Amino acid sequence: MTYLNVYTDSDSPETVLTTEDPAEIAAALKEIDVLLRHWAVADIPAGAGQEEILEAYRDEVARVVAEEGYTFVDVAQLHPDDSADWPERAAGARQKFLNEHTHDDDEVRFFVSGSGIFYLHVDGKVHAVLCEPGDLLSVPANTTHWFDMGTTPDFTAIRFFHDDDGWVGNFTGDPLSSRIPDFDTIVAGRR
């Protein structure tokens, strides 16, 4: 189930909303033009590749592509493994998205498995949306945001793009992301 925390963007951020209520989350996100949908989670074996994952969600993906005109769809996966370079790969992947940025394209992600938090910085507030399996989050182009997958990333997500170049970030240089609770802190506090 999706979880939302909303913070002020001040030097000492304060929490103004914490909720798991789907209607409350949808209303808060609608105010900032962000769409959250839910799809049934398909039974996909661990280690499934891109083709198998996209096939499992073929109808849902086709509907989103038809509605929004996306031209490129792929699958991003990062799961813990026993390789010697796992800690370095995990830290590098996480660091890439931790700083505030925008995109010239929408950022649309469907979580097949695992979780991650999108931090949406709009109108003096930061909406931290914890996305979990079944969540499809659609963030409009040019929305200031960042993403945290935690210190032990473990997720599979379908990504939608209008451009075959995929993910291209325009970083703001604002250190706000360092003042807002990170993925690990929010998830630990939720329990």
C-alpha atoms as a PDB file:
ATOM      1  CA  MET A   1       0.000   0.000   0.000  1.00  0.00           C
ATOM      2  CA  THR A   2       1.203   3.488  -0.861  1.00  0.00           C
ATOM      3  CA  TYR A   3       2.369   5.737   1.977  1.00  0.00           C
ATOM      4  CA  LEU A   4       2.644   9.537   1.885  1.00  0.00           C
ATOM      5  CA  ASN A   5       4.541  12.002   4.038  1.00  0.00           C
ATOM      6  CA  VAL A   6       4.353  15.714   3.272  1.00  0.00           C
ATOM      7  CA  TYR A   7       7.019  18.065   4.629  1.00  0.00           C
ATOM      8  CA  THR A   8       7.652  21.799   4.510  1.00  0.00           C
ATOM      9  CA  ASP A   9      10.686  22.753   2.429  1.00  0.00           C
ATOM     10  CA  SER A  10      12.160  24.991   5.136  1.00  0.00           C
ATOM     11  CA  ASP A  11      15.655  24.833   6.606  1.00  0.00           C
ATOM     12  CA  SER A  12      14.148  22.657   9.370  1.00  0.00           C
ATOM     13  CA  PRO A  13      11.417  20.687   7.544  1.00  0.00           C
ATOM     14  CA  GLU A  14       8.282  19.860   9.481  1.00  0.00           C
ATOM     15  CA  THR A  15       5.868  17.029   8.745  1.00  0.00           C
ATOM     16  CA  VAL A  16       2.432  18.350   7.761  1.00  0.00           C
ATOM     17  CA  LEU A  17       0.789  15.068   6.682  1.00  0.00           C
ATOM     18  CA  THR A  18       1.403  11.347   7.099  1.00  0.00           C
ATOM     19  CA  THR A  19      -1.137   8.922   5.654  1.00  0.00           C
ATOM     20  CA  GLU A  20      -1.802   5.502   4.154  1.00  0.00           C
ATOM     21  CA  ASP A  21      -5.401   6.416   3.278  1.00  0.00           C
ATOM     22  CA  PRO A  22      -5.753   5.962  -0.512  1.00  0.00           C
ATOM     23  CA  ALA A  23      -8.336   8.741  -0.905  1.00  0.00           C
ATOM     24  CA  GLU A  24      -6.251  11.194   1.124  1.00  0.00           C
ATOM     25  CA  ILE A  25      -3.121  10.322  -0.872  1.00  0.00           C
ATOM     26  CA  ALA A  26      -4.934  10.692  -4.206  1.00  0.00           C
ATOM     27  CA  ALA A  27      -6.355  14.075  -3.169  1.00  0.00           C
ATOM     28  CA  ALA A  28      -2.973  15.400  -1.980  1.00  0.00           C
ATOM     29  CA  LEU A  29      -1.268  14.284  -5.184  1.00  0.00           C
ATOM     30  CA  LYS A  30      -4.042  15.615  -7.405  1.00  0.00           C
ATOM     31  CA  GLU A  31      -3.418  19.088  -5.931  1.00  0.00           C
ATOM     32  CA  ILE A  32       0.099  18.961  -7.458  1.00  0.00           C
ATOM     33  CA  ASP A  33      -1.028  17.337 -10.757  1.00  0.00           C
ATOM     34  CA  VAL A  34       0.497  13.951  -9.914  1.00  0.00           C
ATOM     35  CA  LEU A  35      -1.488  10.827 -10.746  1.00  0.00           C
ATOM     36  CA  LEU A  36      -1.349   7.625  -8.726  1.00  0.00           C
ATOM     37  CA  ARG A  37      -3.009   4.506 -10.128  1.00  0.00           C
ATOM     38  CA  HIS A  38      -3.063   0.937  -8.909  1.00  0.00           C
ATOM     39  CA  TRP A  39      -2.789  -2.218 -10.993  1.00  0.00           C
ATOM     40  CA  ALA A  40      -3.233  -5.802  -9.876  1.00  0.00           C
ATOM     41  CA  VAL A  41       0.169  -7.349  -9.210  1.00  0.00           C
ATOM     42  CA  ALA A  42       1.005 -10.179 -11.614  1.00  0.00           C
ATOM     43  CA  ASP A  43       2.641 -13.381 -10.413  1.00  0.00           C
ATOM     44  CA  ILE A  44       6.091 -13.083 -11.976  1.00  0.00           C
ATOM     45  CA  PRO A  45       8.960 -15.392 -10.989  1.00  0.00           C
ATOM     46  CA  ALA A  46      12.047 -13.919  -9.351  1.00  0.00           C
ATOM     47  CA  GLY A  47      14.719 -13.201 -11.932  1.00  0.00           C
ATOM     48  CA  ALA A  48      12.225 -12.584 -14.755  1.00  0.00           C
ATOM     49  CA  GLY A  49      13.590 -10.539 -17.642  1.00  0.00           C
ATOM     50  CA  GLN A  50      12.209  -7.465 -19.355  1.00  0.00           C
ATOM     51  CA  GLU A  51      10.172  -9.353 -21.984  1.00  0.00           C
ATOM     52  CA  GLU A  52       8.458 -11.577 -19.416  1.00  0.00           C
ATOM     53  CA  ILE A  53       7.627  -8.620 -17.165  1.00  0.00           C
ATOM     54  CA  LEU A  54       6.262  -6.490 -19.999  1.00  0.00           C
ATOM     55  CA  GLU A  55       4.222  -9.444 -21.265  1.00  0.00           C
ATOM     56  CA  ALA A  56       2.674  -9.931 -17.811  1.00  0.00           C
ATOM     57  CA  TYR A  57       1.452  -6.301 -17.902  1.00  0.00           C
ATOM     58  CA  ARG A  58       0.858  -6.104 -21.665  1.00  0.00           C
ATOM     59  CA  ASP A  59      -2.747  -4.790 -21.472  1.00  0.00           C
ATOM     60  CA  GLU A  60      -2.016  -2.199 -18.779  1.00  0.00           C
ATOM     61  CA  VAL A  61       1.122  -0.970 -20.547  1.00  0.00           C
ATOM     62  CA  ALA A  62      -0.718  -0.741 -23.879  1.00  0.00           C
ATOM     63  CA  ARG A  63      -3.491   1.305 -22.243  1.00  0.00           C
ATOM     64  CA  VAL A  64      -1.020   3.816 -20.747  1.00  0.00           C
ATOM     65  CA  VAL A  65       0.917   4.068 -24.018  1.00  0.00           C
ATOM     66  CA  ALA A  66      -2.327   4.704 -25.944  1.00  0.00           C
ATOM     67  CA  GLU A  67      -3.575   7.299 -23.424  1.00  0.00           C
ATOM     68  CA  GLU A  68      -0.310   9.226 -23.080  1.00  0.00           C
ATOM     69  CA  GLY A  69       1.564   8.595 -26.335  1.00  0.00           C
ATOM     70  CA  TYR A  70       4.704   7.087 -24.818  1.00  0.00           C
ATOM     71  CA  THR A  71       7.109   5.699 -27.416  1.00  0.00           C
ATOM     72  CA  PHE A  72       9.606   3.848 -25.213  1.00  0.00           C
ATOM     73  CA  VAL A  73       8.871   1.432 -22.354  1.00  0.00           C
ATOM     74  CA  ASP A  74      11.467  -0.570 -20.448  1.00  0.00           C
ATOM     75  CA  VAL A  75      12.088  -2.307 -17.138  1.00  0.00           C
ATOM     76  CA  ALA A  76      14.536  -1.132 -14.479  1.00  0.00           C
ATOM     77  CA  GLN A  77      15.610  -3.691 -11.889  1.00  0.00           C
ATOM     78  CA  LEU A  78      17.996  -3.626  -8.987  1.00  0.00           C
ATOM     79  CA  HIS A  79      18.077  -6.479  -6.484  1.00  0.00           C
ATOM     80  CA  PRO A  80      20.647  -7.490  -3.870  1.00  0.00           C
ATOM     81  CA  ASP A  81      23.037 -10.240  -4.907  1.00  0.00           C
ATOM     82  CA  ASP A  82      26.138 -11.951  -3.572  1.00  0.00           C
ATOM     83  CA  SER A  83      28.589 -10.363  -6.005  1.00  0.00           C
ATOM     84  CA  ALA A  84      31.590  -8.548  -4.596  1.00  0.00           C
ATOM     85  CA  ASP A  85      30.616  -5.317  -6.365  1.00  0.00           C
ATOM     86  CA  TRP A  86      26.986  -5.258  -5.106  1.00  0.00           C
ATOM     87  CA  PRO A  87      27.547  -2.641  -2.356  1.00  0.00           C
ATOM     88  CA  GLU A  88      29.308  -0.325  -4.802  1.00  0.00           C
ATOM     89  CA  ARG A  89      26.651  -0.803  -7.535  1.00  0.00           C
ATOM     90  CA  ALA A  90      23.826  -0.232  -5.036  1.00  0.00           C
ATOM     91  CA  ALA A  91      25.397   2.938  -3.641  1.00  0.00           C
ATOM     92  CA  GLY A  92      26.148   4.287  -7.120  1.00  0.00           C
ATOM     93  CA  ALA A  93      22.625   3.620  -8.389  1.00  0.00           C
ATOM     94  CA  ARG A  94      21.095   5.259  -5.340  1.00  0.00           C
ATOM     95  CA  GLN A  95      23.353   8.322  -5.510  1.00  0.00           C
ATOM     96  CA  LYS A  96      22.420   8.999  -9.146  1.00  0.00           C
ATOM     97  CA  PHE A  97      18.849   9.939  -8.201  1.00  0.00           C
ATOM     98  CA  LEU A  98      19.216  11.480  -4.707  1.00  0.00           C
ATOM     99  CA  ASN A  99      19.679  15.079  -5.785  1.00  0.00           C
ATOM    100  CA  GLU A 100      16.802  17.326  -6.750  1.00  0.00           C
ATOM    101  CA  HIS A 101      16.159  17.492 -10.498  1.00  0.00           C
ATOM    102  CA  THR A 102      13.546  17.871 -13.207  1.00  0.00           C
ATOM    103  CA  HIS A 103      12.941  16.172 -16.551  1.00  0.00           C
ATOM    104  CA  ASP A 104      11.719  17.522 -19.859  1.00  0.00           C
ATOM    105  CA  ASP A 105       9.530  14.380 -20.009  1.00  0.00           C
ATOM    106  CA  ASP A 106       7.016  12.879 -17.596  1.00  0.00           C
ATOM    107  CA  GLU A 107       8.414  10.434 -15.057  1.00  0.00           C
ATOM    108  CA  VAL A 108       6.102   7.437 -15.005  1.00  0.00           C
ATOM    109  CA  ARG A 109       6.916   4.308 -13.016  1.00  0.00           C
ATOM    110  CA  PHE A 110       4.962   1.168 -12.211  1.00  0.00           C
ATOM    111  CA  PHE A 111       6.341  -0.880  -9.320  1.00  0.00           C
ATOM    112  CA  VAL A 112       6.252  -4.568 -10.182  1.00  0.00           C
ATOM    113  CA  SER A 113       8.086  -5.477  -6.963  1.00  0.00           C
ATOM    114  CA  GLY A 114       9.979  -3.789  -4.166  1.00  0.00           C
ATOM    115  CA  SER A 115       9.674  -0.122  -3.333  1.00  0.00           C
ATOM    116  CA  GLY A 116      11.108   3.367  -3.674  1.00  0.00           C
ATOM    117  CA  ILE A 117      10.205   6.907  -2.638  1.00  0.00           C
ATOM    118  CA  PHE A 118       9.559   9.751  -5.037  1.00  0.00           C
ATOM    119  CA  TYR A 119      10.043  13.143  -3.376  1.00  0.00           C
ATOM    120  CA  LEU A 120       8.009  15.797  -5.205  1.00  0.00           C
ATOM    121  CA  HIS A 121       8.984  19.407  -4.395  1.00  0.00           C
ATOM    122  CA  VAL A 122       6.024  21.610  -5.308  1.00  0.00           C
ATOM    123  CA  ASP A 123       4.625  24.858  -3.843  1.00  0.00           C
ATOM    124  CA  GLY A 124       6.806  24.961  -0.731  1.00  0.00           C
ATOM    125  CA  LYS A 125       6.195  21.333   0.225  1.00  0.00           C
ATOM    126  CA  VAL A 126       7.841  17.986  -0.380  1.00  0.00           C
ATOM    127  CA  HIS A 127       5.502  15.060  -0.984  1.00  0.00           C
ATOM    128  CA  ALA A 128       7.370  11.823  -0.196  1.00  0.00           C
ATOM    129  CA  VAL A 129       5.422   9.054  -1.961  1.00  0.00           C
ATOM    130  CA  LEU A 130       6.468   5.538  -0.989  1.00  0.00           C
ATOM    131  CA  CYS A 131       5.559   3.394  -3.993  1.00  0.00           C
ATOM    132  CA  GLU A 132       5.141  -0.353  -3.598  1.00  0.00           C
ATOM    133  CA  PRO A 133       4.019  -3.252  -5.829  1.00  0.00           C
ATOM    134  CA  GLY A 134       0.950  -2.291  -7.853  1.00  0.00           C
ATOM    135  CA  ASP A 135       1.590   1.482  -7.706  1.00  0.00           C
ATOM    136  CA  LEU A 136       1.829   3.486 -10.928  1.00  0.00           C
ATOM    137  CA  LEU A 137       3.027   7.051 -10.293  1.00  0.00           C
ATOM    138  CA  SER A 138       2.876   9.656 -13.047  1.00  0.00           C
ATOM    139  CA  VAL A 139       4.902  12.815 -12.377  1.00  0.00           C
ATOM    140  CA  PRO A 140       4.440  15.591 -14.967  1.00  0.00           C
ATOM    141  CA  ALA A 141       7.411  16.943 -16.905  1.00  0.00           C
ATOM    142  CA  ASN A 142       9.343  19.738 -15.165  1.00  0.00           C
ATOM    143  CA  THR A 143       8.190  18.745 -11.657  1.00  0.00           C
ATOM    144  CA  THR A 144      11.084  19.209  -9.241  1.00  0.00           C
ATOM    145  CA  HIS A 145      11.783  15.919  -7.487  1.00  0.00           C
ATOM    146  CA  TRP A 146      14.252  13.205  -6.490  1.00  0.00           C
ATOM    147  CA  PHE A 147      14.085   9.448  -5.893  1.00  0.00           C
ATOM    148  CA  ASP A 148      15.456   7.260  -3.118  1.00  0.00           C
ATOM    149  CA  MET A 149      15.648   3.475  -3.379  1.00  0.00           C
ATOM    150  CA  GLY A 150      17.290   3.050   0.030  1.00  0.00           C
ATOM    151  CA  THR A 151      20.684   1.724   1.046  1.00  0.00           C
ATOM    152  CA  THR A 152      19.703  -1.788  -0.040  1.00  0.00           C
ATOM    153  CA  PRO A 153      17.821  -1.249  -3.317  1.00  0.00           C
ATOM    154  CA  ASP A 154      15.377  -4.020  -4.167  1.00  0.00           C
ATOM    155  CA  PHE A 155      12.842  -3.209  -6.864  1.00  0.00           C
ATOM    156  CA  THR A 156      11.554  -3.848 -10.367  1.00  0.00           C
ATOM    157  CA  ALA A 157       9.757  -1.014 -12.166  1.00  0.00           C
ATOM    158  CA  ILE A 158       8.298  -0.468 -15.615  1.00  0.00           C
ATOM    159  CA  ARG A 159       9.279   2.934 -17.025  1.00  0.00           C
ATOM    160  CA  PHE A 160       7.467   4.970 -19.700  1.00  0.00           C
ATOM    161  CA  PHE A 161       9.055   7.666 -21.898  1.00  0.00           C
ATOM    162  CA  HIS A 162       8.075   9.988 -24.755  1.00  0.00           C
ATOM    163  CA  ASP A 163      11.692   9.938 -25.960  1.00  0.00           C
ATOM    164  CA  ASP A 164      13.953   6.976 -26.690  1.00  0.00           C
ATOM    165  CA  ASP A 165      16.760   8.704 -24.757  1.00  0.00           C
ATOM    166  CA  GLY A 166      15.084   7.561 -21.523  1.00  0.00           C
ATOM    167  CA  TRP A 167      16.075   9.135 -18.221  1.00  0.00           C
ATOM    168  CA  VAL A 168      17.702  12.575 -18.531  1.00  0.00           C
ATOM    169  CA  GLY A 169      17.884  14.693 -15.370  1.00  0.00           C
ATOM    170  CA  ASN A 170      18.289  18.473 -15.114  1.00  0.00           C
ATOM    171  CA  PHE A 171      19.768  18.963 -11.641  1.00  0.00           C
ATOM    172  CA  THR A 172      18.825  22.063  -9.621  1.00  0.00           C
ATOM    173  CA  GLY A 173      21.774  22.124  -7.198  1.00  0.00           C
ATOM    174  CA  ASP A 174      19.372  22.685  -4.268  1.00  0.00           C
ATOM    175  CA  PRO A 175      20.502  20.708  -1.165  1.00  0.00           C
ATOM    176  CA  LEU A 176      16.901  20.241   0.045  1.00  0.00           C
ATOM    177  CA  SER A 177      17.061  16.459  -0.404  1.00  0.00           C
ATOM    178  CA  SER A 178      19.670  16.267   2.367  1.00  0.00           C
ATOM    179  CA  ARG A 179      17.224  17.851   4.869  1.00  0.00           C
ATOM    180  CA  ILE A 180      14.249  15.560   4.255  1.00  0.00           C
ATOM    181  CA  PRO A 181      14.078  12.062   5.827  1.00  0.00           C
ATOM    182  CA  ASP A 182      15.488   9.441   3.451  1.00  0.00           C
ATOM    183  CA  PHE A 183      13.966   6.128   2.325  1.00  0.00           C
ATOM    184  CA  ASP A 184      15.437   4.089   5.154  1.00  0.00           C
ATOM    185  CA  THR A 185      14.246   6.574   7.809  1.00  0.00           C
ATOM    186  CA  ILE A 186      10.700   6.785   6.433  1.00  0.00           C
ATOM    187  CA  VAL A 187      10.344   3.018   6.006  1.00  0.00           C
ATOM    188  CA  ALA A 188      11.708   2.354   9.531  1.00  0.00           C
ATOM    189  CA  GLY A 189       9.307   4.925  10.994  1.00  0.00           C
ATOM    190  CA  ARG A 190       6.352   3.354   9.242  1.00  0.00           C
ATOM    191  CA  ARG A 191       6.707   0.026  11.053  1.00  0.00           C
END
